[in-house]
């Protein structure tokens, strides 16, 4: 083989190696993107232990209340300790008003509600963020469709473990109606009634569905979203994500119940003009 042909052959080999390497890299990139799409890593939630936060919070416990856990809500500043009154076990403490538990005690229950104040952002349209929001004001962001599409996870840290819940219902309920549900351990009948109602009144339909015997967690705050004198609770409810389940954002659809939300948001905007 002449020197010229030999050089040409070597160039072709180099080009082939570069081409093959480029194709392999492209295939790997496409594979990674497919995995991300399948398992929803883009924009999804990563559980981070709050054990140290809980231990630090316990050092500031008073004689009437104690730190019993921690709650985080994706996309919000809600990353707060859970407090319980020593005297009643479920009512909220006056001196620690970030979050408190309605029915958390020494046993991990199948149905749990966590309550917190909404002091600075009661009406409509709710402000997404504020420097003075130090309680549950940002839970109101769930009335915005774009927010609900990108933020669907609630982390509960309690008894030395971290649990992840995925939202499957967002709804408003007249506060006295919610007060009629158990202040403590829930029976299966009460749980079924509660699930049936929030599923009927949810303002979104999620591709993540509640399944019988799923453990659920509702994060609740007060609201005057529908105007003064109309005291409703905003309830964001998730189902416990199993250890083997992928952490993947669900698809979200506005349903007929969202119409009243859209009307209220529009009406409030017009009143501001």
C-alpha atoms as a PDB file:
ATOM      1  CA  UNK A   1       0.000   0.000   0.000  1.00  0.00           C
ATOM      2  CA  UNK A   2       1.347   3.381  -0.993  1.00  0.00           C
ATOM      3  CA  UNK A   3       2.010   6.025   1.666  1.00  0.00           C
ATOM      4  CA  UNK A   4      -0.842   8.175   0.335  1.00  0.00           C
ATOM      5  CA  UNK A   5      -3.358   5.341   0.489  1.00  0.00           C
ATOM      6  CA  UNK A   6      -2.128   4.398   3.943  1.00  0.00           C
ATOM      7  CA  UNK A   7      -2.673   7.939   5.250  1.00  0.00           C
ATOM      8  CA  UNK A   8      -6.162   8.030   3.700  1.00  0.00           C
ATOM      9  CA  UNK A   9      -7.005   4.691   5.325  1.00  0.00           C
ATOM     10  CA  UNK A  10      -5.856   5.946   8.729  1.00  0.00           C
ATOM     11  CA  UNK A  11      -7.957   9.094   8.353  1.00  0.00           C
ATOM     12  CA  UNK A  12     -11.007   7.017   7.499  1.00  0.00           C
ATOM     13  CA  UNK A  13     -10.429   4.842  10.566  1.00  0.00           C
ATOM     14  CA  UNK A  14     -10.189   7.928  12.782  1.00  0.00           C
ATOM     15  CA  UNK A  15     -13.378   9.347  11.305  1.00  0.00           C
ATOM     16  CA  UNK A  16     -15.124   6.009  11.875  1.00  0.00           C
ATOM     17  CA  UNK A  17     -13.950   5.907  15.497  1.00  0.00           C
ATOM     18  CA  UNK A  18     -15.142   9.491  16.045  1.00  0.00           C
ATOM     19  CA  UNK A  19     -18.473   8.707  14.355  1.00  0.00           C
ATOM     20  CA  UNK A  20     -19.027   5.563  16.405  1.00  0.00           C
ATOM     21  CA  UNK A  21     -18.067   7.344  19.641  1.00  0.00           C
ATOM     22  CA  UNK A  22     -20.461  10.190  18.801  1.00  0.00           C
ATOM     23  CA  UNK A  23     -23.289   7.742  18.111  1.00  0.00           C
ATOM     24  CA  UNK A  24     -22.633   5.897  21.364  1.00  0.00           C
ATOM     25  CA  UNK A  25     -22.614   9.189  23.311  1.00  0.00           C
ATOM     26  CA  UNK A  26     -25.858  10.241  21.619  1.00  0.00           C
ATOM     27  CA  UNK A  27     -27.493   6.916  22.455  1.00  0.00           C
ATOM     28  CA  UNK A  28     -26.390   7.211  26.089  1.00  0.00           C
ATOM     29  CA  UNK A  29     -27.758  10.752  26.278  1.00  0.00           C
ATOM     30  CA  UNK A  30     -31.085   9.663  24.775  1.00  0.00           C
ATOM     31  CA  UNK A  31     -31.195   6.751  27.209  1.00  0.00           C
ATOM     32  CA  UNK A  32     -30.615   9.047  30.182  1.00  0.00           C
ATOM     33  CA  UNK A  33     -33.309  11.436  28.948  1.00  0.00           C
ATOM     34  CA  UNK A  34     -35.730   8.533  28.554  1.00  0.00           C
ATOM     35  CA  UNK A  35     -35.009   7.404  32.124  1.00  0.00           C
ATOM     36  CA  UNK A  36     -35.558  10.940  33.396  1.00  0.00           C
ATOM     37  CA  UNK A  37     -38.859  11.066  31.546  1.00  0.00           C
ATOM     38  CA  UNK A  38     -39.953   7.645  32.811  1.00  0.00           C
ATOM     39  CA  UNK A  39     -39.136   8.269  36.441  1.00  0.00           C
ATOM     40  CA  UNK A  40     -39.821  11.966  36.621  1.00  0.00           C
ATOM     41  CA  UNK A  41     -36.472  13.086  38.008  1.00  0.00           C
ATOM     42  CA  UNK A  42     -36.839  16.490  36.354  1.00  0.00           C
ATOM     43  CA  UNK A  43     -38.504  18.801  38.864  1.00  0.00           C
ATOM     44  CA  UNK A  44     -39.381  15.991  41.286  1.00  0.00           C
ATOM     45  CA  UNK A  45     -38.730  15.709  44.986  1.00  0.00           C
ATOM     46  CA  UNK A  46     -35.754  14.349  46.889  1.00  0.00           C
ATOM     47  CA  UNK A  47     -36.279  13.267  50.492  1.00  0.00           C
ATOM     48  CA  UNK A  48     -33.782  14.894  52.838  1.00  0.00           C
ATOM     49  CA  UNK A  49     -33.737  13.803  56.461  1.00  0.00           C
ATOM     50  CA  UNK A  50     -34.999  16.297  59.037  1.00  0.00           C
ATOM     51  CA  UNK A  51     -33.727  14.334  62.041  1.00  0.00           C
ATOM     52  CA  UNK A  52     -31.219  17.020  63.032  1.00  0.00           C
ATOM     53  CA  UNK A  53     -33.867  19.732  62.609  1.00  0.00           C
ATOM     54  CA  UNK A  54     -36.210  17.862  64.926  1.00  0.00           C
ATOM     55  CA  UNK A  55     -33.523  17.387  67.571  1.00  0.00           C
ATOM     56  CA  UNK A  56     -32.620  21.071  67.408  1.00  0.00           C
ATOM     57  CA  UNK A  57     -36.269  22.081  67.690  1.00  0.00           C
ATOM     58  CA  UNK A  58     -36.758  19.843  70.731  1.00  0.00           C
ATOM     59  CA  UNK A  59     -34.257  21.973  72.618  1.00  0.00           C
ATOM     60  CA  UNK A  60     -36.701  24.886  72.463  1.00  0.00           C
ATOM     61  CA  UNK A  61     -39.757  22.884  73.593  1.00  0.00           C
ATOM     62  CA  UNK A  62     -41.762  24.467  76.384  1.00  0.00           C
ATOM     63  CA  UNK A  63     -43.577  22.965  79.330  1.00  0.00           C
ATOM     64  CA  UNK A  64     -46.865  22.773  77.399  1.00  0.00           C
ATOM     65  CA  UNK A  65     -45.734  21.573  73.961  1.00  0.00           C
ATOM     66  CA  UNK A  66     -43.200  19.290  72.337  1.00  0.00           C
ATOM     67  CA  UNK A  67     -41.712  18.799  68.892  1.00  0.00           C
ATOM     68  CA  UNK A  68     -43.127  15.576  67.460  1.00  0.00           C
ATOM     69  CA  UNK A  69     -41.988  15.723  63.840  1.00  0.00           C
ATOM     70  CA  UNK A  70     -41.355  17.815  60.759  1.00  0.00           C
ATOM     71  CA  UNK A  71     -43.291  18.681  57.588  1.00  0.00           C
ATOM     72  CA  UNK A  72     -42.076  19.943  54.215  1.00  0.00           C
ATOM     73  CA  UNK A  73     -44.298  20.894  51.275  1.00  0.00           C
ATOM     74  CA  UNK A  74     -42.638  21.009  47.876  1.00  0.00           C
ATOM     75  CA  UNK A  75     -42.443  24.411  46.218  1.00  0.00           C
ATOM     76  CA  UNK A  76     -43.216  26.347  49.409  1.00  0.00           C
ATOM     77  CA  UNK A  77     -41.367  27.684  52.433  1.00  0.00           C
ATOM     78  CA  UNK A  78     -43.264  25.186  54.579  1.00  0.00           C
ATOM     79  CA  UNK A  79     -40.344  23.342  56.134  1.00  0.00           C
ATOM     80  CA  UNK A  80     -41.356  23.477  59.772  1.00  0.00           C
ATOM     81  CA  UNK A  81     -41.521  21.470  62.979  1.00  0.00           C
ATOM     82  CA  UNK A  82     -44.694  19.760  64.106  1.00  0.00           C
ATOM     83  CA  UNK A  83     -45.760  20.586  67.615  1.00  0.00           C
ATOM     84  CA  UNK A  84     -48.178  18.808  69.930  1.00  0.00           C
ATOM     85  CA  UNK A  85     -49.647  20.051  73.188  1.00  0.00           C
ATOM     86  CA  UNK A  86     -48.699  17.825  76.092  1.00  0.00           C
ATOM     87  CA  UNK A  87     -52.043  18.485  77.774  1.00  0.00           C
ATOM     88  CA  UNK A  88     -54.345  17.348  74.954  1.00  0.00           C
ATOM     89  CA  UNK A  89     -52.123  15.670  72.375  1.00  0.00           C
ATOM     90  CA  UNK A  90     -53.796  17.240  69.373  1.00  0.00           C
ATOM     91  CA  UNK A  91     -54.701  20.885  69.907  1.00  0.00           C
ATOM     92  CA  UNK A  92     -52.374  23.634  68.724  1.00  0.00           C
ATOM     93  CA  UNK A  93     -49.974  25.495  71.014  1.00  0.00           C
ATOM     94  CA  UNK A  94     -50.321  29.246  71.299  1.00  0.00           C
ATOM     95  CA  UNK A  95     -46.627  29.929  71.722  1.00  0.00           C
ATOM     96  CA  UNK A  96     -45.504  27.832  68.748  1.00  0.00           C
ATOM     97  CA  UNK A  97     -47.768  28.649  65.855  1.00  0.00           C
ATOM     98  CA  UNK A  98     -46.010  27.347  62.772  1.00  0.00           C
ATOM     99  CA  UNK A  99     -47.554  23.902  62.495  1.00  0.00           C
ATOM    100  CA  UNK A 100     -49.310  21.520  64.783  1.00  0.00           C
ATOM    101  CA  UNK A 101     -50.921  18.129  64.555  1.00  0.00           C
ATOM    102  CA  UNK A 102     -54.551  17.246  64.931  1.00  0.00           C
ATOM    103  CA  UNK A 103     -54.204  13.506  65.298  1.00  0.00           C
ATOM    104  CA  UNK A 104     -50.568  12.512  65.456  1.00  0.00           C
ATOM    105  CA  UNK A 105     -49.553  10.634  68.580  1.00  0.00           C
ATOM    106  CA  UNK A 106     -47.241   7.751  69.364  1.00  0.00           C
ATOM    107  CA  UNK A 107     -48.693   5.521  66.649  1.00  0.00           C
ATOM    108  CA  UNK A 108     -48.358   5.990  62.887  1.00  0.00           C
ATOM    109  CA  UNK A 109     -51.945   6.229  61.674  1.00  0.00           C
ATOM    110  CA  UNK A 110     -53.452   5.612  58.244  1.00  0.00           C
ATOM    111  CA  UNK A 111     -55.195   9.009  58.192  1.00  0.00           C
ATOM    112  CA  UNK A 112     -53.465  12.124  59.493  1.00  0.00           C
ATOM    113  CA  UNK A 113     -54.174  15.840  59.330  1.00  0.00           C
ATOM    114  CA  UNK A 114     -51.581  18.528  59.961  1.00  0.00           C
ATOM    115  CA  UNK A 115     -52.826  22.042  60.629  1.00  0.00           C
ATOM    116  CA  UNK A 116     -51.089  25.399  60.434  1.00  0.00           C
ATOM    117  CA  UNK A 117     -51.949  29.091  60.513  1.00  0.00           C
ATOM    118  CA  UNK A 118     -52.462  31.291  57.468  1.00  0.00           C
ATOM    119  CA  UNK A 119     -52.142  34.778  58.904  1.00  0.00           C
ATOM    120  CA  UNK A 120     -50.784  37.041  56.173  1.00  0.00           C
ATOM    121  CA  UNK A 121     -52.384  35.686  52.994  1.00  0.00           C
ATOM    122  CA  UNK A 122     -56.011  34.820  53.680  1.00  0.00           C
ATOM    123  CA  UNK A 123     -57.799  36.114  50.596  1.00  0.00           C
ATOM    124  CA  UNK A 124     -57.686  35.973  46.815  1.00  0.00           C
ATOM    125  CA  UNK A 125     -55.654  36.111  44.734  1.00  0.00           C
ATOM    126  CA  UNK A 126     -53.028  34.593  47.036  1.00  0.00           C
ATOM    127  CA  UNK A 127     -49.507  35.945  46.806  1.00  0.00           C
ATOM    128  CA  UNK A 128     -47.019  33.237  45.881  1.00  0.00           C
ATOM    129  CA  UNK A 129     -44.237  34.305  48.241  1.00  0.00           C
ATOM    130  CA  UNK A 130     -43.684  36.959  50.863  1.00  0.00           C
ATOM    131  CA  UNK A 131     -40.912  37.868  53.264  1.00  0.00           C
ATOM    132  CA  UNK A 132     -43.431  37.908  56.100  1.00  0.00           C
ATOM    133  CA  UNK A 133     -44.809  34.449  55.298  1.00  0.00           C
ATOM    134  CA  UNK A 134     -43.546  32.295  58.154  1.00  0.00           C
ATOM    135  CA  UNK A 135     -46.489  29.944  58.603  1.00  0.00           C
ATOM    136  CA  UNK A 136     -48.781  28.235  56.071  1.00  0.00           C
ATOM    137  CA  UNK A 137     -49.516  31.107  53.688  1.00  0.00           C
ATOM    138  CA  UNK A 138     -47.754  29.498  50.739  1.00  0.00           C
ATOM    139  CA  UNK A 139     -49.988  26.429  50.844  1.00  0.00           C
ATOM    140  CA  UNK A 140     -52.471  28.673  49.028  1.00  0.00           C
ATOM    141  CA  UNK A 141     -50.268  28.369  45.921  1.00  0.00           C
ATOM    142  CA  UNK A 142     -52.092  25.128  45.168  1.00  0.00           C
ATOM    143  CA  UNK A 143     -55.016  27.144  43.763  1.00  0.00           C
ATOM    144  CA  UNK A 144     -52.746  27.924  40.811  1.00  0.00           C
ATOM    145  CA  UNK A 145     -52.796  25.213  38.162  1.00  0.00           C
ATOM    146  CA  UNK A 146     -49.181  25.702  37.050  1.00  0.00           C
ATOM    147  CA  UNK A 147     -48.017  25.318  40.637  1.00  0.00           C
ATOM    148  CA  UNK A 148     -50.003  22.106  41.164  1.00  0.00           C
ATOM    149  CA  UNK A 149     -48.442  20.609  38.035  1.00  0.00           C
ATOM    150  CA  UNK A 150     -44.898  21.087  39.329  1.00  0.00           C
ATOM    151  CA  UNK A 151     -45.262  20.628  43.107  1.00  0.00           C
ATOM    152  CA  UNK A 152     -46.915  17.439  44.342  1.00  0.00           C
ATOM    153  CA  UNK A 153     -44.913  16.063  47.253  1.00  0.00           C
ATOM    154  CA  UNK A 154     -45.190  16.343  51.032  1.00  0.00           C
ATOM    155  CA  UNK A 155     -42.535  14.982  53.382  1.00  0.00           C
ATOM    156  CA  UNK A 156     -43.416  13.921  56.908  1.00  0.00           C
ATOM    157  CA  UNK A 157     -40.519  13.160  59.254  1.00  0.00           C
ATOM    158  CA  UNK A 158     -41.555  11.446  62.466  1.00  0.00           C
ATOM    159  CA  UNK A 159     -40.409   8.682  64.805  1.00  0.00           C
ATOM    160  CA  UNK A 160     -36.952   8.681  63.205  1.00  0.00           C
ATOM    161  CA  UNK A 161     -38.290   8.022  59.697  1.00  0.00           C
ATOM    162  CA  UNK A 162     -38.997  10.120  56.609  1.00  0.00           C
ATOM    163  CA  UNK A 163     -42.219   9.489  54.701  1.00  0.00           C
ATOM    164  CA  UNK A 164     -43.099  10.873  51.280  1.00  0.00           C
ATOM    165  CA  UNK A 165     -46.663  11.580  50.172  1.00  0.00           C
ATOM    166  CA  UNK A 166     -47.857  12.485  46.696  1.00  0.00           C
ATOM    167  CA  UNK A 167     -50.768  14.872  46.317  1.00  0.00           C
ATOM    168  CA  UNK A 168     -53.930  13.437  44.800  1.00  0.00           C
ATOM    169  CA  UNK A 169     -56.540  15.987  45.946  1.00  0.00           C
ATOM    170  CA  UNK A 170     -56.745  19.728  46.592  1.00  0.00           C
ATOM    171  CA  UNK A 171     -59.979  21.158  47.917  1.00  0.00           C
ATOM    172  CA  UNK A 172     -61.730  23.646  50.146  1.00  0.00           C
ATOM    173  CA  UNK A 173     -64.041  22.564  52.949  1.00  0.00           C
ATOM    174  CA  UNK A 174     -66.197  24.607  55.298  1.00  0.00           C
ATOM    175  CA  UNK A 175     -64.208  24.669  58.517  1.00  0.00           C
ATOM    176  CA  UNK A 176     -67.046  23.370  60.696  1.00  0.00           C
ATOM    177  CA  UNK A 177     -67.490  20.377  58.394  1.00  0.00           C
ATOM    178  CA  UNK A 178     -63.839  19.491  58.796  1.00  0.00           C
ATOM    179  CA  UNK A 179     -64.161  19.855  62.573  1.00  0.00           C
ATOM    180  CA  UNK A 180     -66.723  17.036  62.511  1.00  0.00           C
ATOM    181  CA  UNK A 181     -64.050  14.515  61.558  1.00  0.00           C
ATOM    182  CA  UNK A 182     -62.141  12.677  64.313  1.00  0.00           C
ATOM    183  CA  UNK A 183     -59.708  14.478  66.594  1.00  0.00           C
ATOM    184  CA  UNK A 184     -57.616  11.380  67.086  1.00  0.00           C
ATOM    185  CA  UNK A 185     -57.584   7.854  65.671  1.00  0.00           C
ATOM    186  CA  UNK A 186     -59.747   7.496  62.592  1.00  0.00           C
ATOM    187  CA  UNK A 187     -62.077   4.588  62.025  1.00  0.00           C
ATOM    188  CA  UNK A 188     -62.257   3.075  58.558  1.00  0.00           C
ATOM    189  CA  UNK A 189     -65.769   4.480  58.200  1.00  0.00           C
ATOM    190  CA  UNK A 190     -64.565   8.012  58.938  1.00  0.00           C
ATOM    191  CA  UNK A 191     -61.632   7.594  56.568  1.00  0.00           C
ATOM    192  CA  UNK A 192     -63.881   6.361  53.758  1.00  0.00           C
ATOM    193  CA  UNK A 193     -66.247   9.291  54.283  1.00  0.00           C
ATOM    194  CA  UNK A 194     -63.373  11.772  54.265  1.00  0.00           C
ATOM    195  CA  UNK A 195     -61.765  10.318  51.129  1.00  0.00           C
ATOM    196  CA  UNK A 196     -65.083  10.247  49.312  1.00  0.00           C
ATOM    197  CA  UNK A 197     -65.689  13.893  50.069  1.00  0.00           C
ATOM    198  CA  UNK A 198     -62.268  15.269  49.150  1.00  0.00           C
ATOM    199  CA  UNK A 199     -62.284  13.243  45.920  1.00  0.00           C
ATOM    200  CA  UNK A 200     -65.687  14.639  45.039  1.00  0.00           C
ATOM    201  CA  UNK A 201     -64.657  18.220  45.809  1.00  0.00           C
ATOM    202  CA  UNK A 202     -61.047  18.275  44.592  1.00  0.00           C
ATOM    203  CA  UNK A 203     -60.358  21.101  42.153  1.00  0.00           C
ATOM    204  CA  UNK A 204     -57.917  18.941  40.175  1.00  0.00           C
ATOM    205  CA  UNK A 205     -57.887  15.420  38.840  1.00  0.00           C
ATOM    206  CA  UNK A 206     -54.469  13.776  39.296  1.00  0.00           C
ATOM    207  CA  UNK A 207     -53.198  10.729  37.458  1.00  0.00           C
ATOM    208  CA  UNK A 208     -51.973   9.605  40.897  1.00  0.00           C
ATOM    209  CA  UNK A 209     -54.965   7.877  42.458  1.00  0.00           C
ATOM    210  CA  UNK A 210     -55.848   6.947  46.006  1.00  0.00           C
ATOM    211  CA  UNK A 211     -56.014   3.202  46.506  1.00  0.00           C
ATOM    212  CA  UNK A 212     -57.877   1.420  49.239  1.00  0.00           C
ATOM    213  CA  UNK A 213     -55.820   1.124  52.425  1.00  0.00           C
ATOM    214  CA  UNK A 214     -53.358   3.825  51.311  1.00  0.00           C
ATOM    215  CA  UNK A 215     -52.032   5.886  54.194  1.00  0.00           C
ATOM    216  CA  UNK A 216     -52.875   9.544  53.665  1.00  0.00           C
ATOM    217  CA  UNK A 217     -51.743  12.902  54.988  1.00  0.00           C
ATOM    218  CA  UNK A 218     -53.649  16.184  54.649  1.00  0.00           C
ATOM    219  CA  UNK A 219     -51.981  19.547  55.187  1.00  0.00           C
ATOM    220  CA  UNK A 220     -54.608  22.088  56.175  1.00  0.00           C
ATOM    221  CA  UNK A 221     -54.757  25.849  56.619  1.00  0.00           C
ATOM    222  CA  UNK A 222     -57.536  28.385  57.054  1.00  0.00           C
ATOM    223  CA  UNK A 223     -58.545  30.665  54.209  1.00  0.00           C
ATOM    224  CA  UNK A 224     -60.902  33.470  53.286  1.00  0.00           C
ATOM    225  CA  UNK A 225     -60.315  32.785  49.619  1.00  0.00           C
ATOM    226  CA  UNK A 226     -64.050  33.151  48.951  1.00  0.00           C
ATOM    227  CA  UNK A 227     -64.351  36.439  50.822  1.00  0.00           C
ATOM    228  CA  UNK A 228     -64.895  37.768  54.324  1.00  0.00           C
ATOM    229  CA  UNK A 229     -67.305  35.813  56.459  1.00  0.00           C
ATOM    230  CA  UNK A 230     -66.726  32.633  54.442  1.00  0.00           C
ATOM    231  CA  UNK A 231     -64.252  30.631  56.461  1.00  0.00           C
ATOM    232  CA  UNK A 232     -63.040  27.594  54.562  1.00  0.00           C
ATOM    233  CA  UNK A 233     -60.041  25.347  55.071  1.00  0.00           C
ATOM    234  CA  UNK A 234     -57.718  24.609  52.189  1.00  0.00           C
ATOM    235  CA  UNK A 235     -56.827  20.915  52.245  1.00  0.00           C
ATOM    236  CA  UNK A 236     -53.936  19.396  50.296  1.00  0.00           C
ATOM    237  CA  UNK A 237     -53.968  15.603  50.579  1.00  0.00           C
ATOM    238  CA  UNK A 238     -51.363  13.058  49.542  1.00  0.00           C
ATOM    239  CA  UNK A 239     -51.038   9.280  49.577  1.00  0.00           C
ATOM    240  CA  UNK A 240     -47.964   7.563  51.005  1.00  0.00           C
ATOM    241  CA  UNK A 241     -45.444   6.685  48.287  1.00  0.00           C
ATOM    242  CA  UNK A 242     -44.250   3.093  48.604  1.00  0.00           C
ATOM    243  CA  UNK A 243     -40.563   2.229  48.912  1.00  0.00           C
ATOM    244  CA  UNK A 244     -40.514   0.654  45.463  1.00  0.00           C
ATOM    245  CA  UNK A 245     -42.561   3.341  43.715  1.00  0.00           C
ATOM    246  CA  UNK A 246     -40.851   5.874  41.431  1.00  0.00           C
ATOM    247  CA  UNK A 247     -40.997   9.485  42.572  1.00  0.00           C
ATOM    248  CA  UNK A 248     -42.693  10.852  39.480  1.00  0.00           C
ATOM    249  CA  UNK A 249     -44.804  13.937  38.902  1.00  0.00           C
ATOM    250  CA  UNK A 250     -48.392  13.055  38.065  1.00  0.00           C
ATOM    251  CA  UNK A 251     -50.442  14.575  35.298  1.00  0.00           C
ATOM    252  CA  UNK A 252     -52.912  17.177  36.521  1.00  0.00           C
ATOM    253  CA  UNK A 253     -56.193  18.297  34.999  1.00  0.00           C
ATOM    254  CA  UNK A 254     -58.517  21.094  36.064  1.00  0.00           C
ATOM    255  CA  UNK A 255     -62.048  19.792  36.540  1.00  0.00           C
ATOM    256  CA  UNK A 256     -65.466  21.407  36.913  1.00  0.00           C
ATOM    257  CA  UNK A 257     -64.733  22.257  40.549  1.00  0.00           C
ATOM    258  CA  UNK A 258     -61.921  24.507  39.393  1.00  0.00           C
ATOM    259  CA  UNK A 259     -64.402  26.825  37.713  1.00  0.00           C
ATOM    260  CA  UNK A 260     -65.293  28.479  41.028  1.00  0.00           C
ATOM    261  CA  UNK A 261     -61.573  28.944  41.730  1.00  0.00           C
ATOM    262  CA  UNK A 262     -61.009  30.566  38.340  1.00  0.00           C
ATOM    263  CA  UNK A 263     -64.023  32.818  38.845  1.00  0.00           C
ATOM    264  CA  UNK A 264     -62.791  33.894  42.269  1.00  0.00           C
ATOM    265  CA  UNK A 265     -59.278  34.598  40.974  1.00  0.00           C
ATOM    266  CA  UNK A 266     -60.660  36.624  38.090  1.00  0.00           C
ATOM    267  CA  UNK A 267     -63.122  38.466  40.312  1.00  0.00           C
ATOM    268  CA  UNK A 268     -60.422  39.337  42.813  1.00  0.00           C
ATOM    269  CA  UNK A 269     -58.155  40.619  40.065  1.00  0.00           C
ATOM    270  CA  UNK A 270     -60.940  42.828  38.718  1.00  0.00           C
ATOM    271  CA  UNK A 271     -61.605  44.220  42.189  1.00  0.00           C
ATOM    272  CA  UNK A 272     -57.960  45.221  42.450  1.00  0.00           C
ATOM    273  CA  UNK A 273     -58.148  47.335  39.286  1.00  0.00           C
END
